[in-house]
Every structure is written in C-alpha cells, then in structure tokens.
C-alpha cells in the first residue's frame, strides 16, 4: 500500500469518517502517528510502542468481530 501513497515515509492513511483519519509515517527508527479531526494530534512512538499498539488494536478487532458474530442470529 505504501507505494500507492504520495510522500516518503508514509506507511498508511486510515479514514475513520469523512472528517477524521489517522496517518502513520516511518523514517529510519522514527514512527509518527497523526490523528486528525477538528483538531490534529501528532505523536511519536518507539518501535516497541508501535508493536504494542498494533497488538492491542488486533486484539480489540478480534474481540469485536467475535462479539458481532455472537449477536448474529
């Protein structure tokens, strides 16, 4: 996906809604996450923090999918 995007270091842009999104950039050992809506927040995370965040999101997504599957009749 990164090859389709338009600036160096950009890993991905994730649209949350029409007016909000998350951008992840990585150059060398620097990882920047930007959460944009009415207000934009930029913060840098270490590689370990990025892995922990990724794992937490994966667990939450798995739990949400299991919940949705359990409520379907």
PDB file of N, CA and C in Angstrom:
ATOM      1  N   UNK A   1       0.817  -1.193   0.000  1.00  0.00           N
ATOM      2  CA  UNK A   1       0.000   0.000   0.000  1.00  0.00           C
ATOM      3  C   UNK A   1       0.858   1.254   0.000  1.00  0.00           C
ATOM      4  N   UNK A   2       2.017   1.224   0.662  1.00  0.00           N
ATOM      5  CA  UNK A   2       2.835   2.427   0.782  1.00  0.00           C
ATOM      6  C   UNK A   2       3.259   2.969  -0.584  1.00  0.00           C
ATOM      7  N   UNK A   3       3.454   2.123  -1.580  1.00  0.00           N
ATOM      8  CA  UNK A   3       3.881   2.581  -2.888  1.00  0.00           C
ATOM      9  C   UNK A   3       2.807   3.425  -3.573  1.00  0.00           C
ATOM     10  N   UNK A   4       1.546   3.237  -3.216  1.00  0.00           N
ATOM     11  CA  UNK A   4       0.456   3.994  -3.817  1.00  0.00           C
ATOM     12  C   UNK A   4       0.324   5.389  -3.210  1.00  0.00           C
ATOM     13  N   UNK A   5       0.907   5.604  -2.044  1.00  0.00           N
ATOM     14  CA  UNK A   5       0.742   6.860  -1.334  1.00  0.00           C
ATOM     15  C   UNK A   5       1.776   7.871  -1.810  1.00  0.00           C
ATOM     16  N   UNK A   6       1.568   9.134  -1.456  1.00  0.00           N
ATOM     17  CA  UNK A   6       2.262  10.197  -2.161  1.00  0.00           C
ATOM     18  C   UNK A   6       3.383  10.928  -1.436  1.00  0.00           C
ATOM     19  N   UNK A   7       3.919  10.439  -0.326  1.00  0.00           N
ATOM     20  CA  UNK A   7       5.099  11.093   0.217  1.00  0.00           C
ATOM     21  C   UNK A   7       5.988  10.081   0.928  1.00  0.00           C
ATOM     22  N   UNK A   8       7.306  10.350   0.934  1.00  0.00           N
ATOM     23  CA  UNK A   8       8.258   9.425   1.546  1.00  0.00           C
ATOM     24  C   UNK A   8       7.964   9.237   3.029  1.00  0.00           C
ATOM     25  N   UNK A   9       8.077   8.032   3.493  1.00  0.00           N
ATOM     26  CA  UNK A   9       7.857   7.742   4.895  1.00  0.00           C
ATOM     27  C   UNK A   9       6.421   7.403   5.247  1.00  0.00           C
ATOM     28  N   UNK A  10       5.486   7.701   4.372  1.00  0.00           N
ATOM     29  CA  UNK A  10       4.083   7.429   4.660  1.00  0.00           C
ATOM     30  C   UNK A  10       3.831   5.929   4.603  1.00  0.00           C
ATOM     31  N   UNK A  11       3.342   5.378   5.698  1.00  0.00           N
ATOM     32  CA  UNK A  11       3.019   3.957   5.751  1.00  0.00           C
ATOM     33  C   UNK A  11       1.570   3.747   5.337  1.00  0.00           C
ATOM     34  N   UNK A  12       0.666   4.526   5.929  1.00  0.00           N
ATOM     35  CA  UNK A  12      -0.748   4.374   5.589  1.00  0.00           C
ATOM     36  C   UNK A  12      -1.551   5.562   6.078  1.00  0.00           C
ATOM     37  N   UNK A  13      -2.656   5.792   5.414  1.00  0.00           N
ATOM     38  CA  UNK A  13      -3.672   6.761   5.850  1.00  0.00           C
ATOM     39  C   UNK A  13      -4.950   5.965   6.033  1.00  0.00           C
ATOM     40  N   UNK A  14      -5.539   6.081   7.211  1.00  0.00           N
ATOM     41  CA  UNK A  14      -6.743   5.320   7.535  1.00  0.00           C
ATOM     42  C   UNK A  14      -7.878   6.298   7.750  1.00  0.00           C
ATOM     43  N   UNK A  15      -8.885   6.233   6.887  1.00  0.00           N
ATOM     44  CA  UNK A  15     -10.034   7.130   7.019  1.00  0.00           C
ATOM     45  C   UNK A  15     -10.982   6.563   8.070  1.00  0.00           C
ATOM     46  N   UNK A  16     -11.292   7.385   9.066  1.00  0.00           N
ATOM     47  CA  UNK A  16     -12.225   6.992  10.118  1.00  0.00           C
ATOM     48  C   UNK A  16     -13.637   7.437   9.758  1.00  0.00           C
ATOM     49  N   UNK A  17     -13.741   8.642   9.240  1.00  0.00           N
ATOM     50  CA  UNK A  17     -15.011   9.180   8.756  1.00  0.00           C
ATOM     51  C   UNK A  17     -14.661  10.223   7.700  1.00  0.00           C
ATOM     52  N   UNK A  18     -15.659  10.928   7.198  1.00  0.00           N
ATOM     53  CA  UNK A  18     -15.386  11.949   6.191  1.00  0.00           C
ATOM     54  C   UNK A  18     -14.501  13.064   6.725  1.00  0.00           C
ATOM     55  N   UNK A  19     -14.511  13.274   8.042  1.00  0.00           N
ATOM     56  CA  UNK A  19     -13.750  14.389   8.608  1.00  0.00           C
ATOM     57  C   UNK A  19     -12.681  13.958   9.608  1.00  0.00           C
ATOM     58  N   UNK A  20     -12.351  12.673   9.659  1.00  0.00           N
ATOM     59  CA  UNK A  20     -11.345  12.215  10.619  1.00  0.00           C
ATOM     60  C   UNK A  20     -10.521  11.087  10.021  1.00  0.00           C
ATOM     61  N   UNK A  21      -9.273  11.021  10.443  1.00  0.00           N
ATOM     62  CA  UNK A  21      -8.414   9.954   9.958  1.00  0.00           C
ATOM     63  C   UNK A  21      -7.140   9.832  10.763  1.00  0.00           C
ATOM     64  N   UNK A  22      -6.385   8.774  10.484  1.00  0.00           N
ATOM     65  CA  UNK A  22      -5.117   8.513  11.142  1.00  0.00           C
ATOM     66  C   UNK A  22      -4.060   8.320  10.061  1.00  0.00           C
ATOM     67  N   UNK A  23      -2.911   8.948  10.252  1.00  0.00           N
ATOM     68  CA  UNK A  23      -1.786   8.796   9.337  1.00  0.00           C
ATOM     69  C   UNK A  23      -0.613   8.220  10.116  1.00  0.00           C
ATOM     70  N   UNK A  24       0.070   7.237   9.531  1.00  0.00           N
ATOM     71  CA  UNK A  24       1.260   6.651  10.141  1.00  0.00           C
ATOM     72  C   UNK A  24       2.431   6.857   9.184  1.00  0.00           C
ATOM     73  N   UNK A  25       3.507   7.425   9.712  1.00  0.00           N
ATOM     74  CA  UNK A  25       4.723   7.647   8.938  1.00  0.00           C
ATOM     75  C   UNK A  25       5.890   6.970   9.644  1.00  0.00           C
ATOM     76  N   UNK A  26       6.872   6.506   8.863  1.00  0.00           N
ATOM     77  CA  UNK A  26       8.059   5.880   9.455  1.00  0.00           C
ATOM     78  C   UNK A  26       9.264   6.173   8.580  1.00  0.00           C
ATOM     79  N   UNK A  27      10.265   6.781   9.186  1.00  0.00           N
ATOM     80  CA  UNK A  27      11.552   7.005   8.523  1.00  0.00           C
ATOM     81  C   UNK A  27      12.626   6.590   9.522  1.00  0.00           C
ATOM     82  N   UNK A  28      13.489   5.676   9.103  1.00  0.00           N
ATOM     83  CA  UNK A  28      14.526   5.111   9.970  1.00  0.00           C
ATOM     84  C   UNK A  28      13.866   4.527  11.219  1.00  0.00           C
ATOM     85  N   UNK A  29      14.260   4.977  12.418  1.00  0.00           N
ATOM     86  CA  UNK A  29      13.655   4.423  13.633  1.00  0.00           C
ATOM     87  C   UNK A  29      12.593   5.343  14.219  1.00  0.00           C
ATOM     88  N   UNK A  30      12.176   6.353  13.459  1.00  0.00           N
ATOM     89  CA  UNK A  30      11.181   7.311  13.929  1.00  0.00           C
ATOM     90  C   UNK A  30       9.816   6.977  13.343  1.00  0.00           C
ATOM     91  N   UNK A  31       8.845   6.792  14.213  1.00  0.00           N
ATOM     92  CA  UNK A  31       7.473   6.483  13.809  1.00  0.00           C
ATOM     93  C   UNK A  31       6.592   7.611  14.308  1.00  0.00           C
ATOM     94  N   UNK A  32       5.810   8.197  13.410  1.00  0.00           N
ATOM     95  CA  UNK A  32       4.907   9.284  13.777  1.00  0.00           C
ATOM     96  C   UNK A  32       3.481   8.871  13.463  1.00  0.00           C
ATOM     97  N   UNK A  33       2.607   9.099  14.425  1.00  0.00           N
ATOM     98  CA  UNK A  33       1.184   8.823  14.259  1.00  0.00           C
ATOM     99  C   UNK A  33       0.451  10.152  14.384  1.00  0.00           C
ATOM    100  N   UNK A  34      -0.409  10.464  13.421  1.00  0.00           N
ATOM    101  CA  UNK A  34      -1.207  11.686  13.479  1.00  0.00           C
ATOM    102  C   UNK A  34      -2.679  11.302  13.448  1.00  0.00           C
ATOM    103  N   UNK A  35      -3.408  11.819  14.412  1.00  0.00           N
ATOM    104  CA  UNK A  35      -4.851  11.600  14.473  1.00  0.00           C
ATOM    105  C   UNK A  35      -5.493  12.947  14.166  1.00  0.00           C
ATOM    106  N   UNK A  36      -6.239  13.001  13.068  1.00  0.00           N
ATOM    107  CA  UNK A  36      -6.786  14.285  12.624  1.00  0.00           C
ATOM    108  C   UNK A  36      -8.306  14.248  12.586  1.00  0.00           C
ATOM    109  N   UNK A  37      -8.879  15.285  13.085  1.00  0.00           N
ATOM    110  CA  UNK A  37     -10.316  15.520  13.013  1.00  0.00           C
ATOM    111  C   UNK A  37     -10.456  17.031  13.015  1.00  0.00           C
ATOM    112  N   UNK A  38     -11.261  17.573  13.893  1.00  0.00           N
ATOM    113  CA  UNK A  38     -11.341  19.022  14.030  1.00  0.00           C
ATOM    114  C   UNK A  38      -9.991  19.540  14.533  1.00  0.00           C
ATOM    115  N   UNK A  39      -9.375  18.774  15.416  1.00  0.00           N
ATOM    116  CA  UNK A  39      -8.056  19.079  15.954  1.00  0.00           C
ATOM    117  C   UNK A  39      -7.134  17.941  15.543  1.00  0.00           C
ATOM    118  N   UNK A  40      -5.891  18.257  15.210  1.00  0.00           N
ATOM    119  CA  UNK A  40      -4.932  17.232  14.809  1.00  0.00           C
ATOM    120  C   UNK A  40      -3.907  17.032  15.917  1.00  0.00           C
ATOM    121  N   UNK A  41      -3.631  15.783  16.254  1.00  0.00           N
ATOM    122  CA  UNK A  41      -2.654  15.449  17.279  1.00  0.00           C
ATOM    123  C   UNK A  41      -1.574  14.599  16.639  1.00  0.00           C
ATOM    124  N   UNK A  42      -0.311  15.018  16.778  1.00  0.00           N
ATOM    125  CA  UNK A  42       0.836  14.260  16.279  1.00  0.00           C
ATOM    126  C   UNK A  42       1.608  13.744  17.476  1.00  0.00           C
ATOM    127  N   UNK A  43       2.038  12.490  17.430  1.00  0.00           N
ATOM    128  CA  UNK A  43       2.932  12.000  18.456  1.00  0.00           C
ATOM    129  C   UNK A  43       3.844  10.952  17.864  1.00  0.00           C
ATOM    130  N   UNK A  44       5.036  10.832  18.450  1.00  0.00           N
ATOM    131  CA  UNK A  44       5.998   9.837  18.001  1.00  0.00           C
ATOM    132  C   UNK A  44       5.993   8.675  18.980  1.00  0.00           C
ATOM    133  N   UNK A  45       6.154   7.479  18.447  1.00  0.00           N
ATOM    134  CA  UNK A  45       6.221   6.284  19.272  1.00  0.00           C
ATOM    135  C   UNK A  45       7.475   5.511  18.900  1.00  0.00           C
ATOM    136  N   UNK A  46       7.957   4.726  19.842  1.00  0.00           N
ATOM    137  CA  UNK A  46       9.098   3.860  19.562  1.00  0.00           C
ATOM    138  C   UNK A  46       8.603   2.634  18.813  1.00  0.00           C
ATOM    139  N   UNK A  47       9.525   1.855  18.289  1.00  0.00           N
ATOM    140  CA  UNK A  47       9.154   0.622  17.599  1.00  0.00           C
ATOM    141  C   UNK A  47       8.410  -0.314  18.553  1.00  0.00           C
ATOM    142  N   UNK A  48       8.871  -0.417  19.793  1.00  0.00           N
ATOM    143  CA  UNK A  48       8.190  -1.277  20.766  1.00  0.00           C
ATOM    144  C   UNK A  48       6.777  -0.789  21.055  1.00  0.00           C
ATOM    145  N   UNK A  49       6.610   0.526  21.179  1.00  0.00           N
ATOM    146  CA  UNK A  49       5.280   1.078  21.425  1.00  0.00           C
ATOM    147  C   UNK A  49       4.367   0.834  20.226  1.00  0.00           C
ATOM    148  N   UNK A  50       4.908   0.954  19.023  1.00  0.00           N
ATOM    149  CA  UNK A  50       4.108   0.705  17.818  1.00  0.00           C
ATOM    150  C   UNK A  50       3.652  -0.744  17.763  1.00  0.00           C
ATOM    151  N   UNK A  51       4.534  -1.677  18.111  1.00  0.00           N
ATOM    152  CA  UNK A  51       4.140  -3.093  18.146  1.00  0.00           C
ATOM    153  C   UNK A  51       3.061  -3.339  19.195  1.00  0.00           C
ATOM    154  N   UNK A  52       3.214  -2.724  20.364  1.00  0.00           N
ATOM    155  CA  UNK A  52       2.211  -2.889  21.424  1.00  0.00           C
ATOM    156  C   UNK A  52       0.859  -2.324  20.983  1.00  0.00           C
ATOM    157  N   UNK A  53       0.883  -1.155  20.344  1.00  0.00           N
ATOM    158  CA  UNK A  53      -0.349  -0.547  19.827  1.00  0.00           C
ATOM    159  C   UNK A  53      -0.985  -1.444  18.771  1.00  0.00           C
ATOM    160  N   UNK A  54      -0.168  -1.959  17.869  1.00  0.00           N
ATOM    161  CA  UNK A  54      -0.656  -2.844  16.812  1.00  0.00           C
ATOM    162  C   UNK A  54      -1.309  -4.091  17.401  1.00  0.00           C
ATOM    163  N   UNK A  55      -0.654  -4.677  18.382  1.00  0.00           N
ATOM    164  CA  UNK A  55      -1.209  -5.882  19.022  1.00  0.00           C
ATOM    165  C   UNK A  55      -2.510  -5.574  19.749  1.00  0.00           C
ATOM    166  N   UNK A  56      -2.547  -4.430  20.430  1.00  0.00           N
ATOM    167  CA  UNK A  56      -3.770  -4.055  21.152  1.00  0.00           C
ATOM    168  C   UNK A  56      -4.926  -3.846  20.183  1.00  0.00           C
ATOM    169  N   UNK A  57      -4.660  -3.193  19.064  1.00  0.00           N
ATOM    170  CA  UNK A  57      -5.711  -2.993  18.057  1.00  0.00           C
ATOM    171  C   UNK A  57      -6.150  -4.319  17.459  1.00  0.00           C
ATOM    172  N   UNK A  58      -5.215  -5.231  17.228  1.00  0.00           N
ATOM    173  CA  UNK A  58      -5.566  -6.545  16.671  1.00  0.00           C
ATOM    174  C   UNK A  58      -6.440  -7.330  17.646  1.00  0.00           C
ATOM    175  N   UNK A  59      -6.107  -7.294  18.924  1.00  0.00           N
ATOM    176  CA  UNK A  59      -6.914  -7.994  19.932  1.00  0.00           C
ATOM    177  C   UNK A  59      -8.310  -7.378  20.003  1.00  0.00           C
ATOM    178  N   UNK A  60      -8.381  -6.049  20.021  1.00  0.00           N
ATOM    179  CA  UNK A  60      -9.680  -5.375  20.080  1.00  0.00           C
ATOM    180  C   UNK A  60     -10.518  -5.699  18.849  1.00  0.00           C
ATOM    181  N   UNK A  61      -9.897  -5.715  17.675  1.00  0.00           N
ATOM    182  CA  UNK A  61     -10.626  -6.045  16.447  1.00  0.00           C
ATOM    183  C   UNK A  61     -11.134  -7.472  16.485  1.00  0.00           C
ATOM    184  N   UNK A  62     -10.315  -8.394  16.957  1.00  0.00           N
ATOM    185  CA  UNK A  62     -10.726  -9.799  17.072  1.00  0.00           C
ATOM    186  C   UNK A  62     -11.887  -9.941  18.060  1.00  0.00           C
ATOM    187  N   UNK A  63     -11.777  -9.279  19.195  1.00  0.00           N
ATOM    188  CA  UNK A  63     -12.864  -9.333  20.184  1.00  0.00           C
ATOM    189  C   UNK A  63     -14.158  -8.741  19.637  1.00  0.00           C
ATOM    190  N   UNK A  64     -14.069  -7.640  18.912  1.00  0.00           N
ATOM    191  CA  UNK A  64     -15.260  -7.013  18.331  1.00  0.00           C
ATOM    192  C   UNK A  64     -15.899  -7.929  17.289  1.00  0.00           C
ATOM    193  N   UNK A  65     -15.059  -8.569  16.463  1.00  0.00           N
ATOM    194  CA  UNK A  65     -15.593  -9.491  15.457  1.00  0.00           C
ATOM    195  C   UNK A  65     -16.290 -10.680  16.124  1.00  0.00           C
ATOM    196  N   UNK A  66     -15.701 -11.201  17.209  1.00  0.00           N
ATOM    197  CA  UNK A  66     -16.324 -12.315  17.937  1.00  0.00           C
ATOM    198  C   UNK A  66     -17.654 -11.876  18.534  1.00  0.00           C
ATOM    199  N   UNK A  67     -17.689 -10.659  19.095  1.00  0.00           N
ATOM    200  CA  UNK A  67     -18.928 -10.148  19.667  1.00  0.00           C
ATOM    201  C   UNK A  67     -19.997 -10.030  18.609  1.00  0.00           C
ATOM    202  N   UNK A  68     -19.650  -9.458  17.454  1.00  0.00           N
ATOM    203  CA  UNK A  68     -20.632  -9.312  16.372  1.00  0.00           C
ATOM    204  C   UNK A  68     -21.133 -10.662  15.898  1.00  0.00           C
ATOM    205  N   UNK A  69     -20.245 -11.630  15.796  1.00  0.00           N
ATOM    206  CA  UNK A  69     -20.639 -12.969  15.362  1.00  0.00           C
ATOM    207  C   UNK A  69     -21.564 -13.627  16.368  1.00  0.00           C
ATOM    208  N   UNK A  70     -21.342 -13.355  17.646  1.00  0.00           N
ATOM    209  CA  UNK A  70     -22.178 -13.978  18.682  1.00  0.00           C
ATOM    210  C   UNK A  70     -23.566 -13.356  18.767  1.00  0.00           C
ATOM    211  N   UNK A  71     -23.732 -12.124  18.283  1.00  0.00           N
ATOM    212  CA  UNK A  71     -25.035 -11.471  18.338  1.00  0.00           C
ATOM    213  C   UNK A  71     -25.863 -11.686  17.084  1.00  0.00           C
ATOM    214  N   UNK A  72     -25.240 -12.239  16.035  1.00  0.00           N
ATOM    215  CA  UNK A  72     -25.985 -12.525  14.819  1.00  0.00           C
ATOM    216  C   UNK A  72     -26.833 -13.762  15.018  1.00  0.00           C
ATOM    217  N   UNK A  73     -28.050 -13.714  14.507  1.00  0.00           N
ATOM    218  CA  UNK A  73     -28.939 -14.873  14.642  1.00  0.00           C
ATOM    219  C   UNK A  73     -29.261 -15.488  13.314  1.00  0.00           C
TER     220      UNK A  73
END
